[in-house]
């Protein structure tokens, strides 16, 4: 399996994060420019943004929780040249679940759907880490 195959889901996850950032910035800039939100309402992190912008911001902020473990793992796997089809498939599953989670987060925000989507994504990430740990320990174990 080519090492490059693991980079594609990583790039999609990064694109999702930046996409949410730009979406959030556009909405917030517009609200500030139109005086719908005043700077003093939000300057110290007060919850002064409307619900829609808060949803997008929360989804953006969420990209720095579990995905951080994804980034670290992908970089380790690539650095150690341990990429295989299992990691690639699980990486795509994780990223697709992150996209689904972000979609739910920024639309219906139905916690009954969003929560399980998040949980399944974290479980996929856990499996990725376990798979990596097993392969790493087997490769580095003395014979």
Foldseek 3Di string as FASTA:
>chain_A
DDLVLQVVLVVLLVVVLVVLVVVLVVVVVVCPVVVVFDCVCCVPNHPGDDPLSVLSVVLNVVSPPLVVLVVVLSVVCSVVVPDDPLLSVLSNLLSVLSVVLSVCSNPVVPCVVNVVSVVVSSVSSVVSVVVVVVVVCVVPPDD
